[in-house]
Amino acid sequence: MHETGLVRDLIRRIDQAAAASGATRVACVRVWLGAFSHLSEAHFREHFVAEAQGSAAEGAALDITLSTDPADPDAQHLRLESLDLEV
């Protein structure tokens, strides 16, 4: 499933960023979902919770921005905007 792969890759990048910063946990994840990313906010949350189990992002709050602009060059993508890390 395309959505699972997107979220799994996001969790991998979050874990790498947390490890590089010496963080033990991620408190908040801010993401942007493109208009053609095939993810609603609820669908993204569902995949995120499942994929984050056992990772530094498990239990992290999610701040999700949904784009409605199909002309955006990133309209098919999911973008990690920022992380709040706990060291």
PDB file of N, CA and C in Angstrom:
ATOM      1  N   MET A   1       0.844  -1.180   0.000  1.00  0.00           N
ATOM      2  CA  MET A   1       0.000   0.000   0.000  1.00  0.00           C
ATOM      3  C   MET A   1       0.892   1.247   0.000  1.00  0.00           C
ATOM      4  N   HIS A   2       0.621   2.164  -0.876  1.00  0.00           N
ATOM      5  CA  HIS A   2       1.403   3.383  -1.050  1.00  0.00           C
ATOM      6  C   HIS A   2       1.483   4.197   0.243  1.00  0.00           C
ATOM      7  N   GLU A   3       0.367   4.331   0.943  1.00  0.00           N
ATOM      8  CA  GLU A   3       0.319   5.139   2.157  1.00  0.00           C
ATOM      9  C   GLU A   3       1.221   4.563   3.241  1.00  0.00           C
ATOM     10  N   THR A   4       1.209   3.252   3.395  1.00  0.00           N
ATOM     11  CA  THR A   4       2.047   2.609   4.403  1.00  0.00           C
ATOM     12  C   THR A   4       3.517   2.888   4.130  1.00  0.00           C
ATOM     13  N   GLY A   5       3.924   2.802   2.883  1.00  0.00           N
ATOM     14  CA  GLY A   5       5.314   3.088   2.524  1.00  0.00           C
ATOM     15  C   GLY A   5       5.706   4.519   2.815  1.00  0.00           C
ATOM     16  N   LEU A   6       4.812   5.466   2.530  1.00  0.00           N
ATOM     17  CA  LEU A   6       5.094   6.873   2.821  1.00  0.00           C
ATOM     18  C   LEU A   6       5.301   7.097   4.318  1.00  0.00           C
ATOM     19  N   VAL A   7       4.401   6.552   5.108  1.00  0.00           N
ATOM     20  CA  VAL A   7       4.483   6.763   6.554  1.00  0.00           C
ATOM     21  C   VAL A   7       5.665   5.996   7.144  1.00  0.00           C
ATOM     22  N   ARG A   8       5.933   4.812   6.652  1.00  0.00           N
ATOM     23  CA  ARG A   8       7.087   4.041   7.133  1.00  0.00           C
ATOM     24  C   ARG A   8       8.382   4.800   6.864  1.00  0.00           C
ATOM     25  N   ASP A   9       8.500   5.401   5.694  1.00  0.00           N
ATOM     26  CA  ASP A   9       9.686   6.203   5.369  1.00  0.00           C
ATOM     27  C   ASP A   9       9.773   7.425   6.279  1.00  0.00           C
ATOM     28  N   LEU A  10       8.644   8.045   6.563  1.00  0.00           N
ATOM     29  CA  LEU A  10       8.620   9.193   7.467  1.00  0.00           C
ATOM     30  C   LEU A  10       9.116   8.790   8.854  1.00  0.00           C
ATOM     31  N   ILE A  11       8.648   7.679   9.379  1.00  0.00           N
ATOM     32  CA  ILE A  11       9.085   7.207  10.704  1.00  0.00           C
ATOM     33  C   ILE A  11      10.579   6.932  10.700  1.00  0.00           C
ATOM     34  N   ARG A  12      11.085   6.350   9.635  1.00  0.00           N
ATOM     35  CA  ARG A  12      12.521   6.095   9.521  1.00  0.00           C
ATOM     36  C   ARG A  12      13.308   7.407   9.599  1.00  0.00           C
ATOM     37  N   ARG A  13      12.838   8.430   8.881  1.00  0.00           N
ATOM     38  CA  ARG A  13      13.523   9.734   8.903  1.00  0.00           C
ATOM     39  C   ARG A  13      13.423  10.392  10.277  1.00  0.00           C
ATOM     40  N   ILE A  14      12.286  10.235  10.940  1.00  0.00           N
ATOM     41  CA  ILE A  14      12.119  10.787  12.283  1.00  0.00           C
ATOM     42  C   ILE A  14      13.075  10.101  13.253  1.00  0.00           C
ATOM     43  N   ASP A  15      13.161   8.782  13.192  1.00  0.00           N
ATOM     44  CA  ASP A  15      14.084   8.045  14.066  1.00  0.00           C
ATOM     45  C   ASP A  15      15.531   8.471  13.826  1.00  0.00           C
ATOM     46  N   GLN A  16      15.894   8.668  12.568  1.00  0.00           N
ATOM     47  CA  GLN A  16      17.254   9.110  12.258  1.00  0.00           C
ATOM     48  C   GLN A  16      17.523  10.494  12.826  1.00  0.00           C
ATOM     49  N   ALA A  17      16.580  11.409  12.690  1.00  0.00           N
ATOM     50  CA  ALA A  17      16.747  12.766  13.214  1.00  0.00           C
ATOM     51  C   ALA A  17      16.829  12.752  14.732  1.00  0.00           C
ATOM     52  N   ALA A  18      16.007  11.942  15.378  1.00  0.00           N
ATOM     53  CA  ALA A  18      16.031  11.846  16.835  1.00  0.00           C
ATOM     54  C   ALA A  18      17.378  11.289  17.312  1.00  0.00           C
ATOM     55  N   ALA A  19      17.842  10.234  16.672  1.00  0.00           N
ATOM     56  CA  ALA A  19      19.122   9.632  17.055  1.00  0.00           C
ATOM     57  C   ALA A  19      20.279  10.610  16.846  1.00  0.00           C
ATOM     58  N   ALA A  20      20.263  11.329  15.735  1.00  0.00           N
ATOM     59  CA  ALA A  20      21.333  12.293  15.438  1.00  0.00           C
ATOM     60  C   ALA A  20      21.367  13.431  16.454  1.00  0.00           C
ATOM     61  N   SER A  21      20.224  13.726  17.051  1.00  0.00           N
ATOM     62  CA  SER A  21      20.144  14.809  18.033  1.00  0.00           C
ATOM     63  C   SER A  21      20.302  14.311  19.465  1.00  0.00           C
ATOM     64  N   GLY A  22      20.424  13.017  19.640  1.00  0.00           N
ATOM     65  CA  GLY A  22      20.534  12.447  20.973  1.00  0.00           C
ATOM     66  C   GLY A  22      19.205  12.433  21.723  1.00  0.00           C
ATOM     67  N   ALA A  23      18.100  12.560  20.983  1.00  0.00           N
ATOM     68  CA  ALA A  23      16.776  12.584  21.605  1.00  0.00           C
ATOM     69  C   ALA A  23      16.343  11.169  21.976  1.00  0.00           C
ATOM     70  N   THR A  24      15.621  11.079  23.065  1.00  0.00           N
ATOM     71  CA  THR A  24      15.082   9.793  23.492  1.00  0.00           C
ATOM     72  C   THR A  24      13.642   9.611  23.032  1.00  0.00           C
ATOM     73  N   ARG A  25      13.002  10.725  22.729  1.00  0.00           N
ATOM     74  CA  ARG A  25      11.594  10.674  22.359  1.00  0.00           C
ATOM     75  C   ARG A  25      11.240  11.876  21.498  1.00  0.00           C
ATOM     76  N   VAL A  26      10.250  11.679  20.640  1.00  0.00           N
ATOM     77  CA  VAL A  26       9.712  12.765  19.827  1.00  0.00           C
ATOM     78  C   VAL A  26       8.371  13.167  20.445  1.00  0.00           C
ATOM     79  N   ALA A  27       8.244  14.424  20.842  1.00  0.00           N
ATOM     80  CA  ALA A  27       7.015  14.893  21.483  1.00  0.00           C
ATOM     81  C   ALA A  27       5.959  15.306  20.469  1.00  0.00           C
ATOM     82  N   CYS A  28       6.387  15.905  19.352  1.00  0.00           N
ATOM     83  CA  CYS A  28       5.434  16.383  18.351  1.00  0.00           C
ATOM     84  C   CYS A  28       6.036  16.279  16.955  1.00  0.00           C
ATOM     85  N   VAL A  29       5.213  15.883  16.013  1.00  0.00           N
ATOM     86  CA  VAL A  29       5.605  15.782  14.609  1.00  0.00           C
ATOM     87  C   VAL A  29       4.669  16.687  13.818  1.00  0.00           C
ATOM     88  N   ARG A  30       5.262  17.595  13.031  1.00  0.00           N
ATOM     89  CA  ARG A  30       4.471  18.466  12.161  1.00  0.00           C
ATOM     90  C   ARG A  30       4.684  18.027  10.717  1.00  0.00           C
ATOM     91  N   VAL A  31       3.577  17.713  10.054  1.00  0.00           N
ATOM     92  CA  VAL A  31       3.652  17.243   8.671  1.00  0.00           C
ATOM     93  C   VAL A  31       2.699  18.032   7.794  1.00  0.00           C
ATOM     94  N   TRP A  32       3.004  18.022   6.514  1.00  0.00           N
ATOM     95  CA  TRP A  32       2.188  18.646   5.473  1.00  0.00           C
ATOM     96  C   TRP A  32       1.813  17.544   4.508  1.00  0.00           C
ATOM     97  N   LEU A  33       0.526  17.425   4.201  1.00  0.00           N
ATOM     98  CA  LEU A  33       0.042  16.415   3.259  1.00  0.00           C
ATOM     99  C   LEU A  33      -0.416  17.099   1.988  1.00  0.00           C
ATOM    100  N   GLY A  34       0.183  16.718   0.876  1.00  0.00           N
ATOM    101  CA  GLY A  34      -0.183  17.287  -0.408  1.00  0.00           C
ATOM    102  C   GLY A  34      -1.592  16.898  -0.826  1.00  0.00           C
ATOM    103  N   ALA A  35      -2.171  17.698  -1.688  1.00  0.00           N
ATOM    104  CA  ALA A  35      -3.544  17.484  -2.141  1.00  0.00           C
ATOM    105  C   ALA A  35      -3.742  16.120  -2.809  1.00  0.00           C
ATOM    106  N   PHE A  36      -2.697  15.576  -3.421  1.00  0.00           N
ATOM    107  CA  PHE A  36      -2.783  14.277  -4.094  1.00  0.00           C
ATOM    108  C   PHE A  36      -1.990  13.194  -3.370  1.00  0.00           C
ATOM    109  N   SER A  37      -1.742  13.366  -2.082  1.00  0.00           N
ATOM    110  CA  SER A  37      -0.960  12.373  -1.322  1.00  0.00           C
ATOM    111  C   SER A  37      -1.775  11.128  -0.985  1.00  0.00           C
ATOM    112  N   HIS A  38      -3.076  11.162  -1.234  1.00  0.00           N
ATOM    113  CA  HIS A  38      -3.988  10.047  -0.963  1.00  0.00           C
ATOM    114  C   HIS A  38      -4.137   9.769   0.522  1.00  0.00           C
ATOM    115  N   LEU A  39      -3.872  10.773   1.347  1.00  0.00           N
ATOM    116  CA  LEU A  39      -4.001  10.619   2.791  1.00  0.00           C
ATOM    117  C   LEU A  39      -4.895  11.710   3.362  1.00  0.00           C
ATOM    118  N   SER A  40      -5.963  11.316   4.012  1.00  0.00           N
ATOM    119  CA  SER A  40      -6.744  12.268   4.801  1.00  0.00           C
ATOM    120  C   SER A  40      -6.041  12.382   6.151  1.00  0.00           C
ATOM    121  N   GLU A  41      -6.450  13.354   6.932  1.00  0.00           N
ATOM    122  CA  GLU A  41      -5.854  13.498   8.266  1.00  0.00           C
ATOM    123  C   GLU A  41      -6.088  12.228   9.095  1.00  0.00           C
ATOM    124  N   ALA A  42      -7.301  11.716   9.089  1.00  0.00           N
ATOM    125  CA  ALA A  42      -7.621  10.517   9.869  1.00  0.00           C
ATOM    126  C   ALA A  42      -6.833   9.300   9.377  1.00  0.00           C
ATOM    127  N   HIS A  43      -6.732   9.144   8.078  1.00  0.00           N
ATOM    128  CA  HIS A  43      -6.001   8.022   7.492  1.00  0.00           C
ATOM    129  C   HIS A  43      -4.518   8.124   7.842  1.00  0.00           C
ATOM    130  N   PHE A  44      -3.950   9.327   7.755  1.00  0.00           N
ATOM    131  CA  PHE A  44      -2.552   9.515   8.121  1.00  0.00           C
ATOM    132  C   PHE A  44      -2.334   9.147   9.588  1.00  0.00           C
ATOM    133  N   ARG A  45      -3.199   9.634  10.474  1.00  0.00           N
ATOM    134  CA  ARG A  45      -3.062   9.347  11.910  1.00  0.00           C
ATOM    135  C   ARG A  45      -3.076   7.834  12.159  1.00  0.00           C
ATOM    136  N   GLU A  46      -3.993   7.144  11.504  1.00  0.00           N
ATOM    137  CA  GLU A  46      -4.098   5.693  11.664  1.00  0.00           C
ATOM    138  C   GLU A  46      -2.785   5.002  11.272  1.00  0.00           C
ATOM    139  N   HIS A  47      -2.256   5.352  10.108  1.00  0.00           N
ATOM    140  CA  HIS A  47      -0.995   4.760   9.652  1.00  0.00           C
ATOM    141  C   HIS A  47       0.161   5.165  10.559  1.00  0.00           C
ATOM    142  N   PHE A  48       0.182   6.422  10.986  1.00  0.00           N
ATOM    143  CA  PHE A  48       1.275   6.907  11.827  1.00  0.00           C
ATOM    144  C   PHE A  48       1.321   6.142  13.149  1.00  0.00           C
ATOM    145  N   VAL A  49       0.187   5.997  13.803  1.00  0.00           N
ATOM    146  CA  VAL A  49       0.140   5.288  15.088  1.00  0.00           C
ATOM    147  C   VAL A  49       0.645   3.859  14.918  1.00  0.00           C
ATOM    148  N   ALA A  50       0.225   3.188  13.872  1.00  0.00           N
ATOM    149  CA  ALA A  50       0.651   1.803  13.634  1.00  0.00           C
ATOM    150  C   ALA A  50       2.142   1.712  13.348  1.00  0.00           C
ATOM    151  N   GLU A  51       2.653   2.579  12.488  1.00  0.00           N
ATOM    152  CA  GLU A  51       4.059   2.519  12.094  1.00  0.00           C
ATOM    153  C   GLU A  51       5.006   3.051  13.169  1.00  0.00           C
ATOM    154  N   ALA A  52       4.525   3.924  14.045  1.00  0.00           N
ATOM    155  CA  ALA A  52       5.381   4.526  15.068  1.00  0.00           C
ATOM    156  C   ALA A  52       5.614   3.611  16.273  1.00  0.00           C
ATOM    157  N   GLN A  53       4.866   2.533  16.375  1.00  0.00           N
ATOM    158  CA  GLN A  53       5.028   1.633  17.520  1.00  0.00           C
ATOM    159  C   GLN A  53       6.471   1.160  17.618  1.00  0.00           C
ATOM    160  N   GLY A  54       7.052   1.353  18.794  1.00  0.00           N
ATOM    161  CA  GLY A  54       8.425   0.922  19.032  1.00  0.00           C
ATOM    162  C   GLY A  54       9.478   1.909  18.561  1.00  0.00           C
ATOM    163  N   SER A  55       9.065   3.029  17.998  1.00  0.00           N
ATOM    164  CA  SER A  55      10.009   4.032  17.501  1.00  0.00           C
ATOM    165  C   SER A  55      10.052   5.222  18.463  1.00  0.00           C
ATOM    166  N   ALA A  56      10.965   6.143  18.207  1.00  0.00           N
ATOM    167  CA  ALA A  56      11.059   7.366  19.012  1.00  0.00           C
ATOM    168  C   ALA A  56       9.802   8.217  18.879  1.00  0.00           C
ATOM    169  N   ALA A  57       9.032   8.011  17.813  1.00  0.00           N
ATOM    170  CA  ALA A  57       7.822   8.801  17.564  1.00  0.00           C
ATOM    171  C   ALA A  57       6.565   8.201  18.186  1.00  0.00           C
ATOM    172  N   GLU A  58       6.690   7.057  18.827  1.00  0.00           N
ATOM    173  CA  GLU A  58       5.510   6.442  19.436  1.00  0.00           C
ATOM    174  C   GLU A  58       4.903   7.391  20.466  1.00  0.00           C
ATOM    175  N   GLY A  59       3.624   7.653  20.340  1.00  0.00           N
ATOM    176  CA  GLY A  59       2.923   8.534  21.266  1.00  0.00           C
ATOM    177  C   GLY A  59       3.078  10.016  20.978  1.00  0.00           C
ATOM    178  N   ALA A  60       3.796  10.379  19.921  1.00  0.00           N
ATOM    179  CA  ALA A  60       4.002  11.800  19.586  1.00  0.00           C
ATOM    180  C   ALA A  60       2.690  12.449  19.166  1.00  0.00           C
ATOM    181  N   ALA A  61       2.539  13.710  19.530  1.00  0.00           N
ATOM    182  CA  ALA A  61       1.406  14.494  19.048  1.00  0.00           C
ATOM    183  C   ALA A  61       1.627  14.775  17.561  1.00  0.00           C
ATOM    184  N   LEU A  62       0.543  14.885  16.836  1.00  0.00           N
ATOM    185  CA  LEU A  62       0.629  15.170  15.400  1.00  0.00           C
ATOM    186  C   LEU A  62      -0.012  16.511  15.101  1.00  0.00           C
ATOM    187  N   ASP A  63       0.706  17.325  14.344  1.00  0.00           N
ATOM    188  CA  ASP A  63       0.196  18.602  13.851  1.00  0.00           C
ATOM    189  C   ASP A  63       0.212  18.481  12.333  1.00  0.00           C
ATOM    190  N   ILE A  64      -0.968  18.357  11.743  1.00  0.00           N
ATOM    191  CA  ILE A  64      -1.097  18.030  10.317  1.00  0.00           C
ATOM    192  C   ILE A  64      -1.695  19.205   9.550  1.00  0.00           C
ATOM    193  N   THR A  65      -1.008  19.584   8.487  1.00  0.00           N
ATOM    194  CA  THR A  65      -1.539  20.595   7.566  1.00  0.00           C
ATOM    195  C   THR A  65      -1.927  19.884   6.283  1.00  0.00           C
ATOM    196  N   LEU A  66      -3.157  20.089   5.853  1.00  0.00           N
ATOM    197  CA  LEU A  66      -3.654  19.484   4.617  1.00  0.00           C
ATOM    198  C   LEU A  66      -3.671  20.530   3.510  1.00  0.00           C
ATOM    199  N   SER A  67      -2.997  20.243   2.421  1.00  0.00           N
ATOM    200  CA  SER A  67      -3.016  21.138   1.272  1.00  0.00           C
ATOM    201  C   SER A  67      -4.211  20.796   0.384  1.00  0.00           C
ATOM    202  N   THR A  68      -4.799  21.808  -0.177  1.00  0.00           N
ATOM    203  CA  THR A  68      -5.875  21.598  -1.153  1.00  0.00           C
ATOM    204  C   THR A  68      -5.469  22.120  -2.529  1.00  0.00           C
ATOM    205  N   ASP A  69      -4.184  22.420  -2.685  1.00  0.00           N
ATOM    206  CA  ASP A  69      -3.673  23.017  -3.921  1.00  0.00           C
ATOM    207  C   ASP A  69      -3.113  21.950  -4.851  1.00  0.00           C
ATOM    208  N   PRO A  70      -3.873  21.538  -5.862  1.00  0.00           N
ATOM    209  CA  PRO A  70      -3.380  20.508  -6.771  1.00  0.00           C
ATOM    210  C   PRO A  70      -2.231  20.988  -7.655  1.00  0.00           C
ATOM    211  N   ALA A  71      -2.015  22.302  -7.743  1.00  0.00           N
ATOM    212  CA  ALA A  71      -0.925  22.843  -8.562  1.00  0.00           C
ATOM    213  C   ALA A  71       0.394  22.920  -7.803  1.00  0.00           C
ATOM    214  N   ASP A  72       0.370  22.665  -6.505  1.00  0.00           N
ATOM    215  CA  ASP A  72       1.606  22.692  -5.725  1.00  0.00           C
ATOM    216  C   ASP A  72       2.560  21.629  -6.272  1.00  0.00           C
ATOM    217  N   PRO A  73       3.836  21.964  -6.448  1.00  0.00           N
ATOM    218  CA  PRO A  73       4.776  20.972  -6.985  1.00  0.00           C
ATOM    219  C   PRO A  73       4.928  19.734  -6.090  1.00  0.00           C
ATOM    220  N   ASP A  74       4.565  19.845  -4.818  1.00  0.00           N
ATOM    221  CA  ASP A  74       4.644  18.717  -3.887  1.00  0.00           C
ATOM    222  C   ASP A  74       3.279  18.097  -3.619  1.00  0.00           C
ATOM    223  N   ALA A  75       2.323  18.317  -4.496  1.00  0.00           N
ATOM    224  CA  ALA A  75       0.948  17.883  -4.258  1.00  0.00           C
ATOM    225  C   ALA A  75       0.811  16.379  -4.043  1.00  0.00           C
ATOM    226  N   GLN A  76       1.756  15.580  -4.516  1.00  0.00           N
ATOM    227  CA  GLN A  76       1.677  14.131  -4.355  1.00  0.00           C
ATOM    228  C   GLN A  76       2.463  13.637  -3.146  1.00  0.00           C
ATOM    229  N   HIS A  77       3.012  14.543  -2.370  1.00  0.00           N
ATOM    230  CA  HIS A  77       3.950  14.151  -1.323  1.00  0.00           C
ATOM    231  C   HIS A  77       3.450  14.425   0.085  1.00  0.00           C
ATOM    232  N   LEU A  78       4.180  13.836   0.994  1.00  0.00           N
ATOM    233  CA  LEU A  78       4.045  14.055   2.416  1.00  0.00           C
ATOM    234  C   LEU A  78       5.347  14.727   2.832  1.00  0.00           C
ATOM    235  N   ARG A  79       5.263  15.814   3.565  1.00  0.00           N
ATOM    236  CA  ARG A  79       6.481  16.557   3.922  1.00  0.00           C
ATOM    237  C   ARG A  79       6.587  16.672   5.439  1.00  0.00           C
ATOM    238  N   LEU A  80       7.738  16.314   5.971  1.00  0.00           N
ATOM    239  CA  LEU A  80       8.038  16.512   7.386  1.00  0.00           C
ATOM    240  C   LEU A  80       8.443  17.963   7.562  1.00  0.00           C
ATOM    241  N   GLU A  81       7.656  18.701   8.339  1.00  0.00           N
ATOM    242  CA  GLU A  81       7.914  20.127   8.539  1.00  0.00           C
ATOM    243  C   GLU A  81       8.865  20.364   9.709  1.00  0.00           C
ATOM    244  N   SER A  82       8.585  19.724  10.861  1.00  0.00           N
ATOM    245  CA  SER A  82       9.457  19.900  12.030  1.00  0.00           C
ATOM    246  C   SER A  82       9.131  18.852  13.087  1.00  0.00           C
ATOM    247  N   LEU A  83      10.040  18.764  14.057  1.00  0.00           N
ATOM    248  CA  LEU A  83       9.908  17.842  15.178  1.00  0.00           C
ATOM    249  C   LEU A  83      10.194  18.568  16.475  1.00  0.00           C
ATOM    250  N   ASP A  84       9.479  18.198  17.529  1.00  0.00           N
ATOM    251  CA  ASP A  84       9.832  18.614  18.883  1.00  0.00           C
ATOM    252  C   ASP A  84      10.450  17.386  19.528  1.00  0.00           C
ATOM    253  N   LEU A  85      11.717  17.488  19.885  1.00  0.00           N
ATOM    254  CA  LEU A  85      12.463  16.354  20.425  1.00  0.00           C
ATOM    255  C   LEU A  85      12.692  16.519  21.919  1.00  0.00           C
ATOM    256  N   GLU A  86      12.685  15.387  22.630  1.00  0.00           N
ATOM    257  CA  GLU A  86      13.026  15.365  24.044  1.00  0.00           C
ATOM    258  C   GLU A  86      14.366  14.676  24.196  1.00  0.00           C
ATOM    259  N   VAL A  87      15.313  15.382  24.787  1.00  0.00           N
ATOM    260  CA  VAL A  87      16.671  14.823  24.960  1.00  0.00           C
ATOM    261  C   VAL A  87      16.804  14.230  26.342  1.00  0.00           C
TER     262      VAL A  87
END
